[in-house]
PDB file of N, CA and C in Angstrom:
ATOM      1  N   MET A   1     118.802 139.599  38.392  1.00  0.00           N
ATOM      2  CA  MET A   1     118.690 138.785  37.209  1.00  0.00           C
ATOM      3  C   MET A   1     119.390 139.488  36.049  1.00  0.00           C
ATOM      4  N   ALA A   2     120.134 138.765  35.288  1.00  0.00           N
ATOM      5  CA  ALA A   2     120.834 139.350  34.149  1.00  0.00           C
ATOM      6  C   ALA A   2     119.842 139.712  33.057  1.00  0.00           C
ATOM      7  N   ASP A   3     120.085 140.851  32.428  1.00  0.00           N
ATOM      8  CA  ASP A   3     119.217 141.301  31.344  1.00  0.00           C
ATOM      9  C   ASP A   3     119.811 140.859  30.012  1.00  0.00           C
ATOM     10  N   VAL A   4     120.074 139.566  29.917  1.00  0.00           N
ATOM     11  CA  VAL A   4     120.724 139.001  28.738  1.00  0.00           C
ATOM     12  C   VAL A   4     119.938 137.776  28.294  1.00  0.00           C
ATOM     13  N   THR A   5     119.748 137.650  27.002  1.00  0.00           N
ATOM     14  CA  THR A   5     119.087 136.466  26.475  1.00  0.00           C
ATOM     15  C   THR A   5     120.114 135.342  26.386  1.00  0.00           C
ATOM     16  N   PRO A   6     119.846 134.204  27.049  1.00  0.00           N
ATOM     17  CA  PRO A   6     120.814 133.111  27.002  1.00  0.00           C
ATOM     18  C   PRO A   6     120.881 132.513  25.596  1.00  0.00           C
ATOM     19  N   PRO A   7     122.011 131.918  25.263  1.00  0.00           N
ATOM     20  CA  PRO A   7     122.118 131.298  23.943  1.00  0.00           C
ATOM     21  C   PRO A   7     121.198 130.076  23.855  1.00  0.00           C
ATOM     22  N   ASP A   8     120.798 129.748  22.632  1.00  0.00           N
ATOM     23  CA  ASP A   8     120.000 128.539  22.438  1.00  0.00           C
ATOM     24  C   ASP A   8     120.829 127.327  22.837  1.00  0.00           C
ATOM     25  N   ALA A   9     120.156 126.339  23.356  1.00  0.00           N
ATOM     26  CA  ALA A   9     120.832 125.106  23.760  1.00  0.00           C
ATOM     27  C   ALA A   9     120.204 123.935  23.025  1.00  0.00           C
ATOM     28  N   GLU A  10     121.032 123.008  22.635  1.00  0.00           N
ATOM     29  CA  GLU A  10     120.530 121.796  21.987  1.00  0.00           C
ATOM     30  C   GLU A  10     119.963 120.874  23.065  1.00  0.00           C
ATOM     31  N   ILE A  11     118.790 120.341  22.805  1.00  0.00           N
ATOM     32  CA  ILE A  11     118.163 119.403  23.736  1.00  0.00           C
ATOM     33  C   ILE A  11     118.160 118.038  23.080  1.00  0.00           C
ATOM     34  N   TRP A  12     118.772 117.091  23.738  1.00  0.00           N
ATOM     35  CA  TRP A  12     118.790 115.733  23.202  1.00  0.00           C
ATOM     36  C   TRP A  12     117.372 115.176  23.199  1.00  0.00           C
ATOM     37  N   PRO A  13     117.040 114.370  22.206  1.00  0.00           N
ATOM     38  CA  PRO A  13     115.672 113.832  22.093  1.00  0.00           C
ATOM     39  C   PRO A  13     115.172 113.138  23.365  1.00  0.00           C
ATOM     40  N   GLU A  14     116.046 112.432  24.051  1.00  0.00           N
ATOM     41  CA  GLU A  14     115.614 111.707  25.251  1.00  0.00           C
ATOM     42  C   GLU A  14     115.307 112.656  26.419  1.00  0.00           C
ATOM     43  N   ASN A  15     115.673 113.934  26.287  1.00  0.00           N
ATOM     44  CA  ASN A  15     115.405 114.912  27.345  1.00  0.00           C
ATOM     45  C   ASN A  15     114.300 115.901  26.989  1.00  0.00           C
ATOM     46  N   GLU A  16     113.724 115.789  25.811  1.00  0.00           N
ATOM     47  CA  GLU A  16     112.722 116.765  25.366  1.00  0.00           C
ATOM     48  C   GLU A  16     111.504 116.820  26.274  1.00  0.00           C
ATOM     49  N   THR A  17     111.020 115.681  26.709  1.00  0.00           N
ATOM     50  CA  THR A  17     109.835 115.667  27.574  1.00  0.00           C
ATOM     51  C   THR A  17     110.142 116.326  28.914  1.00  0.00           C
ATOM     52  N   THR A  18     111.287 115.981  29.486  1.00  0.00           N
ATOM     53  CA  THR A  18     111.680 116.567  30.771  1.00  0.00           C
ATOM     54  C   THR A  18     111.786 118.085  30.662  1.00  0.00           C
ATOM     55  N   VAL A  19     112.460 118.561  29.638  1.00  0.00           N
ATOM     56  CA  VAL A  19     112.629 119.998  29.466  1.00  0.00           C
ATOM     57  C   VAL A  19     111.273 120.665  29.229  1.00  0.00           C
ATOM     58  N   GLY A  20     110.428 120.037  28.419  1.00  0.00           N
ATOM     59  CA  GLY A  20     109.104 120.596  28.147  1.00  0.00           C
ATOM     60  C   GLY A  20     108.272 120.740  29.409  1.00  0.00           C
ATOM     61  N   VAL A  21     108.262 119.717  30.244  1.00  0.00           N
ATOM     62  CA  VAL A  21     107.495 119.778  31.494  1.00  0.00           C
ATOM     63  C   VAL A  21     108.112 120.815  32.433  1.00  0.00           C
ATOM     64  N   PHE A  22     109.444 120.839  32.515  1.00  0.00           N
ATOM     65  CA  PHE A  22     110.113 121.808  33.388  1.00  0.00           C
ATOM     66  C   PHE A  22     109.784 123.244  32.969  1.00  0.00           C
ATOM     67  N   VAL A  23     109.790 123.502  31.689  1.00  0.00           N
ATOM     68  CA  VAL A  23     109.455 124.846  31.193  1.00  0.00           C
ATOM     69  C   VAL A  23     108.011 125.186  31.549  1.00  0.00           C
ATOM     70  N   GLN A  24     107.102 124.226  31.389  1.00  0.00           N
ATOM     71  CA  GLN A  24     105.697 124.473  31.723  1.00  0.00           C
ATOM     72  C   GLN A  24     105.501 124.707  33.222  1.00  0.00           C
ATOM     73  N   MET A  25     106.409 124.188  34.038  1.00  0.00           N
ATOM     74  CA  MET A  25     106.346 124.395  35.493  1.00  0.00           C
ATOM     75  C   MET A  25     106.964 125.733  35.895  1.00  0.00           C
ATOM     76  N   GLY A  26     107.399 126.520  34.944  1.00  0.00           N
ATOM     77  CA  GLY A  26     108.104 127.764  35.222  1.00  0.00           C
ATOM     78  C   GLY A  26     107.345 128.768  36.066  1.00  0.00           C
ATOM     79  N   THR A  27     106.034 128.676  36.108  1.00  0.00           N
ATOM     80  CA  THR A  27     105.242 129.595  36.941  1.00  0.00           C
ATOM     81  C   THR A  27     104.889 128.971  38.286  1.00  0.00           C
ATOM     82  N   GLN A  28     105.460 127.825  38.585  1.00  0.00           N
ATOM     83  CA  GLN A  28     105.082 127.083  39.791  1.00  0.00           C
ATOM     84  C   GLN A  28     106.179 127.042  40.855  1.00  0.00           C
ATOM     85  N   TRP A  29     107.039 128.066  40.873  1.00  0.00           N
ATOM     86  CA  TRP A  29     108.081 128.120  41.895  1.00  0.00           C
ATOM     87  C   TRP A  29     107.490 128.616  43.215  1.00  0.00           C
ATOM     88  N   ARG A  30     107.827 127.918  44.286  1.00  0.00           N
ATOM     89  CA  ARG A  30     107.486 128.391  45.627  1.00  0.00           C
ATOM     90  C   ARG A  30     108.603 129.330  46.056  1.00  0.00           C
ATOM     91  N   VAL A  31     108.216 130.444  46.633  1.00  0.00           N
ATOM     92  CA  VAL A  31     109.193 131.465  46.990  1.00  0.00           C
ATOM     93  C   VAL A  31     109.056 131.799  48.469  1.00  0.00           C
ATOM     94  N   GLY A  32     110.202 131.824  49.144  1.00  0.00           N
ATOM     95  CA  GLY A  32     110.246 132.215  50.548  1.00  0.00           C
ATOM     96  C   GLY A  32     110.934 133.562  50.676  1.00  0.00           C
ATOM     97  N   VAL A  33     111.233 133.944  51.883  1.00  0.00           N
ATOM     98  CA  VAL A  33     111.872 135.225  52.155  1.00  0.00           C
ATOM     99  C   VAL A  33     113.202 135.345  51.415  1.00  0.00           C
ATOM    100  N   GLY A  34     113.938 134.242  51.311  1.00  0.00           N
ATOM    101  CA  GLY A  34     115.248 134.267  50.668  1.00  0.00           C
ATOM    102  C   GLY A  34     115.216 133.976  49.186  1.00  0.00           C
ATOM    103  N   GLY A  35     114.033 133.840  48.606  1.00  0.00           N
ATOM    104  CA  GLY A  35     113.929 133.552  47.177  1.00  0.00           C
ATOM    105  C   GLY A  35     113.294 132.196  46.929  1.00  0.00           C
ATOM    106  N   PRO A  36     113.488 131.639  45.725  1.00  0.00           N
ATOM    107  CA  PRO A  36     112.870 130.357  45.369  1.00  0.00           C
ATOM    108  C   PRO A  36     113.339 129.224  46.290  1.00  0.00           C
ATOM    109  N   VAL A  37     112.379 128.393  46.689  1.00  0.00           N
ATOM    110  CA  VAL A  37     112.706 127.252  47.551  1.00  0.00           C
ATOM    111  C   VAL A  37     112.430 125.919  46.865  1.00  0.00           C
ATOM    112  N   GLY A  38     111.805 125.952  45.715  1.00  0.00           N
ATOM    113  CA  GLY A  38     111.522 124.721  44.972  1.00  0.00           C
ATOM    114  C   GLY A  38     110.230 124.847  44.196  1.00  0.00           C
ATOM    115  N   LEU A  39     109.979 123.846  43.388  1.00  0.00           N
ATOM    116  CA  LEU A  39     108.755 123.813  42.593  1.00  0.00           C
ATOM    117  C   LEU A  39     107.574 123.339  43.423  1.00  0.00           C
ATOM    118  N   ASP A  40     106.400 123.786  43.066  1.00  0.00           N
ATOM    119  CA  ASP A  40     105.170 123.326  43.706  1.00  0.00           C
ATOM    120  C   ASP A  40     104.776 122.019  43.020  1.00  0.00           C
ATOM    121  N   TYR A  41     105.081 120.915  43.669  1.00  0.00           N
ATOM    122  CA  TYR A  41     104.822 119.598  43.076  1.00  0.00           C
ATOM    123  C   TYR A  41     103.336 119.303  42.917  1.00  0.00           C
ATOM    124  N   ASN A  42     102.467 120.061  43.575  1.00  0.00           N
ATOM    125  CA  ASN A  42     101.026 119.845  43.414  1.00  0.00           C
ATOM    126  C   ASN A  42     100.580 120.058  41.974  1.00  0.00           C
ATOM    127  N   ALA A  43     101.274 120.921  41.252  1.00  0.00           N
ATOM    128  CA  ALA A  43     100.906 121.198  39.864  1.00  0.00           C
ATOM    129  C   ALA A  43     101.500 120.184  38.891  1.00  0.00           C
ATOM    130  N   LEU A  44     102.498 119.446  39.321  1.00  0.00           N
ATOM    131  CA  LEU A  44     103.220 118.560  38.412  1.00  0.00           C
ATOM    132  C   LEU A  44     102.356 117.481  37.748  1.00  0.00           C
ATOM    133  N   PRO A  45     101.484 116.768  38.456  1.00  0.00           N
ATOM    134  CA  PRO A  45     100.652 115.759  37.777  1.00  0.00           C
ATOM    135  C   PRO A  45      99.791 116.364  36.665  1.00  0.00           C
ATOM    136  N   PHE A  46      99.222 117.550  36.917  1.00  0.00           N
ATOM    137  CA  PHE A  46      98.411 118.220  35.908  1.00  0.00           C
ATOM    138  C   PHE A  46      99.255 118.569  34.679  1.00  0.00           C
ATOM    139  N   VAL A  47     100.437 119.135  34.910  1.00  0.00           N
ATOM    140  CA  VAL A  47     101.314 119.516  33.803  1.00  0.00           C
ATOM    141  C   VAL A  47     101.727 118.275  33.017  1.00  0.00           C
ATOM    142  N   MET A  48     102.063 117.194  33.702  1.00  0.00           N
ATOM    143  CA  MET A  48     102.442 115.956  33.003  1.00  0.00           C
ATOM    144  C   MET A  48     101.300 115.451  32.130  1.00  0.00           C
ATOM    145  N   ARG A  49     100.081 115.477  32.666  1.00  0.00           N
ATOM    146  CA  ARG A  49      98.928 115.039  31.872  1.00  0.00           C
ATOM    147  C   ARG A  49      98.745 115.935  30.655  1.00  0.00           C
ATOM    148  N   MET A  50      98.850 117.241  30.859  1.00  0.00           N
ATOM    149  CA  MET A  50      98.673 118.184  29.753  1.00  0.00           C
ATOM    150  C   MET A  50      99.754 118.023  28.686  1.00  0.00           C
ATOM    151  N   GLN A  51     100.916 117.555  29.084  1.00  0.00           N
ATOM    152  CA  GLN A  51     102.015 117.326  28.145  1.00  0.00           C
ATOM    153  C   GLN A  51     101.970 115.917  27.553  1.00  0.00           C
ATOM    154  N   GLY A  52     100.979 115.122  27.960  1.00  0.00           N
ATOM    155  CA  GLY A  52     100.791 113.787  27.394  1.00  0.00           C
ATOM    156  C   GLY A  52     101.780 112.747  27.877  1.00  0.00           C
ATOM    157  N   VAL A  53     102.299 112.920  29.089  1.00  0.00           N
ATOM    158  CA  VAL A  53     103.256 111.962  29.643  1.00  0.00           C
ATOM    159  C   VAL A  53     102.494 110.736  30.133  1.00  0.00           C
ATOM    160  N   PRO A  54     102.799 109.550  29.591  1.00  0.00           N
ATOM    161  CA  PRO A  54     102.116 108.332  30.042  1.00  0.00           C
ATOM    162  C   PRO A  54     102.358 108.084  31.533  1.00  0.00           C
ATOM    163  N   PRO A  55     101.362 107.576  32.244  1.00  0.00           N
ATOM    164  CA  PRO A  55     101.494 107.348  33.692  1.00  0.00           C
ATOM    165  C   PRO A  55     102.720 106.508  34.076  1.00  0.00           C
ATOM    166  N   ASP A  56     103.058 105.524  33.266  1.00  0.00           N
ATOM    167  CA  ASP A  56     104.197 104.667  33.620  1.00  0.00           C
ATOM    168  C   ASP A  56     105.547 105.384  33.477  1.00  0.00           C
ATOM    169  N   GLU A  57     105.594 106.529  32.808  1.00  0.00           N
ATOM    170  CA  GLU A  57     106.829 107.301  32.659  1.00  0.00           C
ATOM    171  C   GLU A  57     106.943 108.423  33.693  1.00  0.00           C
ATOM    172  N   GLN A  58     105.874 108.687  34.416  1.00  0.00           N
ATOM    173  CA  GLN A  58     105.853 109.824  35.327  1.00  0.00           C
ATOM    174  C   GLN A  58     106.825 109.716  36.501  1.00  0.00           C
ATOM    175  N   PRO A  59     107.014 108.543  37.117  1.00  0.00           N
ATOM    176  CA  PRO A  59     107.987 108.480  38.222  1.00  0.00           C
ATOM    177  C   PRO A  59     109.409 108.834  37.784  1.00  0.00           C
ATOM    178  N   ASP A  60     109.855 108.325  36.652  1.00  0.00           N
ATOM    179  CA  ASP A  60     111.193 108.654  36.164  1.00  0.00           C
ATOM    180  C   ASP A  60     111.283 110.123  35.776  1.00  0.00           C
ATOM    181  N   LEU A  61     110.226 110.649  35.176  1.00  0.00           N
ATOM    182  CA  LEU A  61     110.211 112.055  34.790  1.00  0.00           C
ATOM    183  C   LEU A  61     110.276 112.950  36.027  1.00  0.00           C
ATOM    184  N   PHE A  62     109.586 112.549  37.095  1.00  0.00           N
ATOM    185  CA  PHE A  62     109.634 113.315  38.342  1.00  0.00           C
ATOM    186  C   PHE A  62     111.072 113.435  38.835  1.00  0.00           C
ATOM    187  N   GLU A  63     111.813 112.344  38.796  1.00  0.00           N
ATOM    188  CA  GLU A  63     113.210 112.384  39.238  1.00  0.00           C
ATOM    189  C   GLU A  63     114.041 113.293  38.341  1.00  0.00           C
ATOM    190  N   SER A  64     113.782 113.281  37.053  1.00  0.00           N
ATOM    191  CA  SER A  64     114.509 114.155  36.125  1.00  0.00           C
ATOM    192  C   SER A  64     114.176 115.622  36.380  1.00  0.00           C
ATOM    193  N   ILE A  65     112.921 115.904  36.680  1.00  0.00           N
ATOM    194  CA  ILE A  65     112.505 117.270  36.997  1.00  0.00           C
ATOM    195  C   ILE A  65     113.217 117.743  38.263  1.00  0.00           C
ATOM    196  N   ARG A  66     113.358 116.858  39.234  1.00  0.00           N
ATOM    197  CA  ARG A  66     114.044 117.222  40.478  1.00  0.00           C
ATOM    198  C   ARG A  66     115.511 117.561  40.222  1.00  0.00           C
ATOM    199  N   VAL A  67     116.141 116.863  39.302  1.00  0.00           N
ATOM    200  CA  VAL A  67     117.534 117.168  38.949  1.00  0.00           C
ATOM    201  C   VAL A  67     117.609 118.574  38.349  1.00  0.00           C
ATOM    202  N   MET A  68     116.683 118.877  37.430  1.00  0.00           N
ATOM    203  CA  MET A  68     116.669 120.208  36.823  1.00  0.00           C
ATOM    204  C   MET A  68     116.348 121.285  37.862  1.00  0.00           C
ATOM    205  N   GLU A  69     115.452 120.972  38.772  1.00  0.00           N
ATOM    206  CA  GLU A  69     115.083 121.921  39.824  1.00  0.00           C
ATOM    207  C   GLU A  69     116.305 122.260  40.680  1.00  0.00           C
ATOM    208  N   ARG A  70     117.069 121.243  41.093  1.00  0.00           N
ATOM    209  CA  ARG A  70     118.264 121.491  41.907  1.00  0.00           C
ATOM    210  C   ARG A  70     119.270 122.348  41.153  1.00  0.00           C
ATOM    211  N   ALA A  71     119.472 122.037  39.861  1.00  0.00           N
ATOM    212  CA  ALA A  71     120.412 122.817  39.048  1.00  0.00           C
ATOM    213  C   ALA A  71     119.941 124.253  38.911  1.00  0.00           C
ATOM    214  N   ALA A  72     118.639 124.442  38.697  1.00  0.00           N
ATOM    215  CA  ALA A  72     118.100 125.803  38.555  1.00  0.00           C
ATOM    216  C   ALA A  72     118.252 126.572  39.862  1.00  0.00           C
ATOM    217  N   MET A  73     118.006 125.925  40.989  1.00  0.00           N
ATOM    218  CA  MET A  73     118.141 126.609  42.273  1.00  0.00           C
ATOM    219  C   MET A  73     119.591 126.984  42.546  1.00  0.00           C
ATOM    220  N   GLU A  74     120.520 126.124  42.183  1.00  0.00           N
ATOM    221  CA  GLU A  74     121.941 126.466  42.328  1.00  0.00           C
ATOM    222  C   GLU A  74     122.282 127.675  41.470  1.00  0.00           C
ATOM    223  N   GLU A  75     121.779 127.699  40.252  1.00  0.00           N
ATOM    224  CA  GLU A  75     122.046 128.812  39.346  1.00  0.00           C
ATOM    225  C   GLU A  75     121.428 130.106  39.889  1.00  0.00           C
ATOM    226  N   MET A  76     120.196 130.029  40.390  1.00  0.00           N
ATOM    227  CA  MET A  76     119.528 131.217  40.917  1.00  0.00           C
ATOM    228  C   MET A  76     120.211 131.731  42.171  1.00  0.00           C
ATOM    229  N   SER A  77     120.798 130.839  42.968  1.00  0.00           N
ATOM    230  CA  SER A  77     121.446 131.283  44.202  1.00  0.00           C
ATOM    231  C   SER A  77     122.760 131.989  43.930  1.00  0.00           C
ATOM    232  N   GLU A  78     123.299 131.838  42.741  1.00  0.00           N
ATOM    233  CA  GLU A  78     124.558 132.489  42.364  1.00  0.00           C
ATOM    234  C   GLU A  78     124.350 133.912  41.877  1.00  0.00           C
ATOM    235  N   GLU A  79     123.107 134.279  41.599  1.00  0.00           N
ATOM    236  CA  GLU A  79     122.827 135.621  41.044  1.00  0.00           C
ATOM    237  C   GLU A  79     122.914 136.694  42.097  1.00  0.00           C
TER     238      GLU A  79
END
């Protein structure tokens, strides 16, 4: 892991909830012998509730979280 603080990034308003939930899921990575294998989705409903995500928005948010998860795993595999 690089010992560098990444630059701040602008988050568009329509992505704030997704980013907020993804950050809160940061301690919920499942790890195998080769490193992270994905997020533990069992914690996701609890995190969404704690972040105040309305139930009707949760399916779309889940898909957005999966996009971020794939991007994060690609980034982690490059290290």
